[in-house]
């Protein structure tokens, strides 16, 4: 099962579209697997950075990560977004995996080039509790840019989402 998260509960079909972060790619529909779904327990425009050890993480970076947290994943957001996260209600759209192809296994991203009809849609609220339930550590910071700069020099796997909205 793959998922798409939205603040809109009324989407009846997903049509491929161009992605602003991947202008060289054809129009696609994006979905995420269950393990990486916490990346999307946020309002759509909320800038965030997630990181976790991956297959290519060095022993040094893995040890440092484990010294800092017992969480399986850390997600950092800017403090100005905390209230919106607390108040947000999302909707999780369920998709069959069949029309999708893996785009980025490390981030759990899948794409489809054909129109997709969701199998089911369900509300997702209390996002902070959802993060806790998925063993995610939420970090709240005034700015994401120091973390971004640090992660770009590390071997940790990371996902930087909506950074164009970061201050």
C-alpha atoms as a PDB file:
ATOM      1  CA  UNK A   1       0.000   0.000   0.000  1.00  0.00           C
ATOM      2  CA  UNK A   2       1.212   3.500  -0.840  1.00  0.00           C
ATOM      3  CA  UNK A   3      -0.086   6.821   0.436  1.00  0.00           C
ATOM      4  CA  UNK A   4      -0.551  10.453  -0.457  1.00  0.00           C
ATOM      5  CA  UNK A   5      -1.348  13.073   2.192  1.00  0.00           C
ATOM      6  CA  UNK A   6      -3.407  16.188   1.576  1.00  0.00           C
ATOM      7  CA  UNK A   7      -5.369  18.823   3.457  1.00  0.00           C
ATOM      8  CA  UNK A   8      -8.112  18.347   0.845  1.00  0.00           C
ATOM      9  CA  UNK A   9     -10.529  15.476   1.592  1.00  0.00           C
ATOM     10  CA  UNK A  10     -12.320  15.622  -1.771  1.00  0.00           C
ATOM     11  CA  UNK A  11      -9.771  14.398  -4.347  1.00  0.00           C
ATOM     12  CA  UNK A  12     -11.400  11.668  -6.432  1.00  0.00           C
ATOM     13  CA  UNK A  13      -8.517  11.051  -8.823  1.00  0.00           C
ATOM     14  CA  UNK A  14      -4.865  11.998  -9.053  1.00  0.00           C
ATOM     15  CA  UNK A  15      -3.587  13.225 -12.404  1.00  0.00           C
ATOM     16  CA  UNK A  16       0.168  13.354 -13.147  1.00  0.00           C
ATOM     17  CA  UNK A  17       1.658  16.837 -12.842  1.00  0.00           C
ATOM     18  CA  UNK A  18       5.051  18.481 -13.034  1.00  0.00           C
ATOM     19  CA  UNK A  19       6.943  18.686  -9.745  1.00  0.00           C
ATOM     20  CA  UNK A  20       8.662  22.040  -9.030  1.00  0.00           C
ATOM     21  CA  UNK A  21      11.651  20.306  -7.390  1.00  0.00           C
ATOM     22  CA  UNK A  22      12.115  17.968 -10.360  1.00  0.00           C
ATOM     23  CA  UNK A  23      11.512  20.126 -13.468  1.00  0.00           C
ATOM     24  CA  UNK A  24      13.520  17.718 -15.642  1.00  0.00           C
ATOM     25  CA  UNK A  25      11.075  14.865 -14.920  1.00  0.00           C
ATOM     26  CA  UNK A  26       7.818  14.185 -16.777  1.00  0.00           C
ATOM     27  CA  UNK A  27       4.474  14.780 -15.019  1.00  0.00           C
ATOM     28  CA  UNK A  28       3.980  12.247 -12.213  1.00  0.00           C
ATOM     29  CA  UNK A  29       1.885  11.351  -9.196  1.00  0.00           C
ATOM     30  CA  UNK A  30       3.885  11.031  -5.994  1.00  0.00           C
ATOM     31  CA  UNK A  31       3.233   8.565  -3.186  1.00  0.00           C
ATOM     32  CA  UNK A  32       5.129   7.389  -0.121  1.00  0.00           C
ATOM     33  CA  UNK A  33       5.432   4.008   1.566  1.00  0.00           C
ATOM     34  CA  UNK A  34       4.215   3.342   5.119  1.00  0.00           C
ATOM     35  CA  UNK A  35       7.673   3.496   6.725  1.00  0.00           C
ATOM     36  CA  UNK A  36       8.296   6.996   5.387  1.00  0.00           C
ATOM     37  CA  UNK A  37       4.752   8.341   5.793  1.00  0.00           C
ATOM     38  CA  UNK A  38       5.720  10.432   8.873  1.00  0.00           C
ATOM     39  CA  UNK A  39       7.528  12.737   6.436  1.00  0.00           C
ATOM     40  CA  UNK A  40       4.039  13.914   5.482  1.00  0.00           C
ATOM     41  CA  UNK A  41       2.367  14.304   8.906  1.00  0.00           C
ATOM     42  CA  UNK A  42       2.599  18.073   8.365  1.00  0.00           C
ATOM     43  CA  UNK A  43       0.666  20.835   6.605  1.00  0.00           C
ATOM     44  CA  UNK A  44       1.635  20.759   2.933  1.00  0.00           C
ATOM     45  CA  UNK A  45       3.683  23.961   2.856  1.00  0.00           C
ATOM     46  CA  UNK A  46       5.517  23.334   6.139  1.00  0.00           C
ATOM     47  CA  UNK A  47       9.283  23.273   5.538  1.00  0.00           C
ATOM     48  CA  UNK A  48      10.930  20.329   7.241  1.00  0.00           C
ATOM     49  CA  UNK A  49      14.047  18.239   7.302  1.00  0.00           C
ATOM     50  CA  UNK A  50      14.041  14.574   8.206  1.00  0.00           C
ATOM     51  CA  UNK A  51      17.114  12.434   8.731  1.00  0.00           C
ATOM     52  CA  UNK A  52      17.978   8.886   9.729  1.00  0.00           C
ATOM     53  CA  UNK A  53      20.745   6.341   9.219  1.00  0.00           C
ATOM     54  CA  UNK A  54      20.662   4.571   5.868  1.00  0.00           C
ATOM     55  CA  UNK A  55      22.569   1.799   4.121  1.00  0.00           C
ATOM     56  CA  UNK A  56      25.408   4.142   3.160  1.00  0.00           C
ATOM     57  CA  UNK A  57      25.684   5.922   6.529  1.00  0.00           C
ATOM     58  CA  UNK A  58      29.243   5.825   7.906  1.00  0.00           C
ATOM     59  CA  UNK A  59      29.920   4.148  11.247  1.00  0.00           C
ATOM     60  CA  UNK A  60      30.923   7.549  12.630  1.00  0.00           C
ATOM     61  CA  UNK A  61      27.667   9.254  11.568  1.00  0.00           C
ATOM     62  CA  UNK A  62      25.619   6.257  12.736  1.00  0.00           C
ATOM     63  CA  UNK A  63      27.271   6.387  16.194  1.00  0.00           C
ATOM     64  CA  UNK A  64      26.731  10.144  16.449  1.00  0.00           C
ATOM     65  CA  UNK A  65      23.071   9.745  15.458  1.00  0.00           C
ATOM     66  CA  UNK A  66      22.527   7.024  18.064  1.00  0.00           C
ATOM     67  CA  UNK A  67      24.174   9.190  20.758  1.00  0.00           C
ATOM     68  CA  UNK A  68      21.727  11.996  20.044  1.00  0.00           C
ATOM     69  CA  UNK A  69      18.444  10.044  19.881  1.00  0.00           C
ATOM     70  CA  UNK A  70      16.713   6.703  20.286  1.00  0.00           C
ATOM     71  CA  UNK A  71      14.197   7.648  17.559  1.00  0.00           C
ATOM     72  CA  UNK A  72      14.219   5.844  14.234  1.00  0.00           C
ATOM     73  CA  UNK A  73      13.881   9.201  12.461  1.00  0.00           C
ATOM     74  CA  UNK A  74      14.287  12.868  13.409  1.00  0.00           C
ATOM     75  CA  UNK A  75      12.192  15.564  11.764  1.00  0.00           C
ATOM     76  CA  UNK A  76      12.959  19.232  12.344  1.00  0.00           C
ATOM     77  CA  UNK A  77      10.540  22.096  11.701  1.00  0.00           C
ATOM     78  CA  UNK A  78      10.718  25.823  12.186  1.00  0.00           C
ATOM     79  CA  UNK A  79       9.103  27.070  15.387  1.00  0.00           C
ATOM     80  CA  UNK A  80       6.711  29.369  13.507  1.00  0.00           C
ATOM     81  CA  UNK A  81       4.981  26.239  12.145  1.00  0.00           C
ATOM     82  CA  UNK A  82       4.305  24.474  15.447  1.00  0.00           C
ATOM     83  CA  UNK A  83       0.823  25.901  16.023  1.00  0.00           C
ATOM     84  CA  UNK A  84      -0.245  25.062  12.443  1.00  0.00           C
ATOM     85  CA  UNK A  85       1.026  21.498  12.880  1.00  0.00           C
ATOM     86  CA  UNK A  86      -0.965  21.143  16.094  1.00  0.00           C
ATOM     87  CA  UNK A  87      -4.149  22.382  14.408  1.00  0.00           C
ATOM     88  CA  UNK A  88      -3.779  20.630  11.054  1.00  0.00           C
ATOM     89  CA  UNK A  89      -6.036  17.879   9.813  1.00  0.00           C
ATOM     90  CA  UNK A  90      -4.800  15.814   6.930  1.00  0.00           C
ATOM     91  CA  UNK A  91      -6.297  13.106   4.780  1.00  0.00           C
ATOM     92  CA  UNK A  92      -4.432   9.944   3.867  1.00  0.00           C
ATOM     93  CA  UNK A  93      -5.193   8.601   0.424  1.00  0.00           C
ATOM     94  CA  UNK A  94      -4.508   4.893  -0.083  1.00  0.00           C
ATOM     95  CA  UNK A  95      -3.191   3.645  -3.423  1.00  0.00           C
ATOM     96  CA  UNK A  96      -2.526   0.234  -4.858  1.00  0.00           C
ATOM     97  CA  UNK A  97       1.222  -0.116  -5.439  1.00  0.00           C
ATOM     98  CA  UNK A  98       0.708  -1.551  -8.933  1.00  0.00           C
ATOM     99  CA  UNK A  99       0.880   1.590 -11.133  1.00  0.00           C
ATOM    100  CA  UNK A 100       3.811   3.021  -9.134  1.00  0.00           C
ATOM    101  CA  UNK A 101       7.563   2.636  -9.533  1.00  0.00           C
ATOM    102  CA  UNK A 102      10.202   3.312  -6.903  1.00  0.00           C
ATOM    103  CA  UNK A 103      11.687   6.794  -7.384  1.00  0.00           C
ATOM    104  CA  UNK A 104      13.858   6.922  -4.234  1.00  0.00           C
ATOM    105  CA  UNK A 105      14.004   3.835  -2.038  1.00  0.00           C
ATOM    106  CA  UNK A 106      15.844   5.640   0.772  1.00  0.00           C
ATOM    107  CA  UNK A 107      13.035   8.189   1.123  1.00  0.00           C
ATOM    108  CA  UNK A 108      10.214   5.775   0.279  1.00  0.00           C
ATOM    109  CA  UNK A 109       9.080   7.800  -2.741  1.00  0.00           C
ATOM    110  CA  UNK A 110       7.092   6.200  -5.538  1.00  0.00           C
ATOM    111  CA  UNK A 111       5.783   7.740  -8.751  1.00  0.00           C
ATOM    112  CA  UNK A 112       3.183   6.928 -11.383  1.00  0.00           C
ATOM    113  CA  UNK A 113       2.833   8.344 -14.884  1.00  0.00           C
ATOM    114  CA  UNK A 114      -0.853   7.427 -15.144  1.00  0.00           C
ATOM    115  CA  UNK A 115      -3.968   8.823 -13.478  1.00  0.00           C
ATOM    116  CA  UNK A 116      -4.736   7.014 -10.210  1.00  0.00           C
ATOM    117  CA  UNK A 117      -7.982   6.641  -8.294  1.00  0.00           C
ATOM    118  CA  UNK A 118      -7.535   6.276  -4.528  1.00  0.00           C
ATOM    119  CA  UNK A 119      -8.789   3.086  -2.919  1.00  0.00           C
ATOM    120  CA  UNK A 120      -9.695   4.868   0.301  1.00  0.00           C
ATOM    121  CA  UNK A 121      -9.331   8.199   2.083  1.00  0.00           C
ATOM    122  CA  UNK A 122      -9.228   8.676   5.847  1.00  0.00           C
ATOM    123  CA  UNK A 123      -8.675  11.634   8.196  1.00  0.00           C
ATOM    124  CA  UNK A 124      -5.362  11.993   9.991  1.00  0.00           C
ATOM    125  CA  UNK A 125      -5.369  14.349  12.940  1.00  0.00           C
ATOM    126  CA  UNK A 126      -3.356  14.795  16.145  1.00  0.00           C
ATOM    127  CA  UNK A 127      -0.205  14.865  14.051  1.00  0.00           C
ATOM    128  CA  UNK A 128       2.161  15.193  17.011  1.00  0.00           C
ATOM    129  CA  UNK A 129       0.801  11.960  18.486  1.00  0.00           C
ATOM    130  CA  UNK A 130       1.128  10.283  15.086  1.00  0.00           C
ATOM    131  CA  UNK A 131       4.805  11.233  15.009  1.00  0.00           C
ATOM    132  CA  UNK A 132       5.302   9.797  18.491  1.00  0.00           C
ATOM    133  CA  UNK A 133       3.495   6.598  17.481  1.00  0.00           C
ATOM    134  CA  UNK A 134       5.955   6.187  14.581  1.00  0.00           C
ATOM    135  CA  UNK A 135       9.042   6.666  16.815  1.00  0.00           C
ATOM    136  CA  UNK A 136       9.856  10.041  15.314  1.00  0.00           C
ATOM    137  CA  UNK A 137      11.646  12.728  17.283  1.00  0.00           C
ATOM    138  CA  UNK A 138      10.312  16.183  16.424  1.00  0.00           C
ATOM    139  CA  UNK A 139      12.793  19.038  16.746  1.00  0.00           C
ATOM    140  CA  UNK A 140      11.577  22.612  16.738  1.00  0.00           C
ATOM    141  CA  UNK A 141      14.104  25.256  15.750  1.00  0.00           C
ATOM    142  CA  UNK A 142      14.081  28.918  14.673  1.00  0.00           C
ATOM    143  CA  UNK A 143      15.803  28.046  11.365  1.00  0.00           C
ATOM    144  CA  UNK A 144      16.373  24.866   9.370  1.00  0.00           C
ATOM    145  CA  UNK A 145      19.429  26.150   7.534  1.00  0.00           C
ATOM    146  CA  UNK A 146      22.128  25.184  10.081  1.00  0.00           C
ATOM    147  CA  UNK A 147      20.770  21.619  10.100  1.00  0.00           C
ATOM    148  CA  UNK A 148      20.616  21.582   6.300  1.00  0.00           C
ATOM    149  CA  UNK A 149      24.251  22.638   6.053  1.00  0.00           C
ATOM    150  CA  UNK A 150      25.319  19.981   8.566  1.00  0.00           C
ATOM    151  CA  UNK A 151      23.391  17.173   6.866  1.00  0.00           C
ATOM    152  CA  UNK A 152      24.796  18.008   3.444  1.00  0.00           C
ATOM    153  CA  UNK A 153      28.239  17.175   4.882  1.00  0.00           C
ATOM    154  CA  UNK A 154      27.080  13.927   6.543  1.00  0.00           C
ATOM    155  CA  UNK A 155      26.376  10.422   5.285  1.00  0.00           C
ATOM    156  CA  UNK A 156      22.975  10.269   7.005  1.00  0.00           C
ATOM    157  CA  UNK A 157      19.988   9.804   4.741  1.00  0.00           C
ATOM    158  CA  UNK A 158      17.843  12.943   4.673  1.00  0.00           C
ATOM    159  CA  UNK A 159      14.809  14.456   3.081  1.00  0.00           C
ATOM    160  CA  UNK A 160      14.363  18.223   2.812  1.00  0.00           C
ATOM    161  CA  UNK A 161      10.778  19.124   2.036  1.00  0.00           C
ATOM    162  CA  UNK A 162       9.362  22.559   1.124  1.00  0.00           C
ATOM    163  CA  UNK A 163      12.650  24.290   1.924  1.00  0.00           C
ATOM    164  CA  UNK A 164      11.577  27.132  -0.385  1.00  0.00           C
ATOM    165  CA  UNK A 165       9.237  28.120   2.489  1.00  0.00           C
ATOM    166  CA  UNK A 166      11.967  28.122   5.152  1.00  0.00           C
ATOM    167  CA  UNK A 167      13.035  31.406   6.748  1.00  0.00           C
END
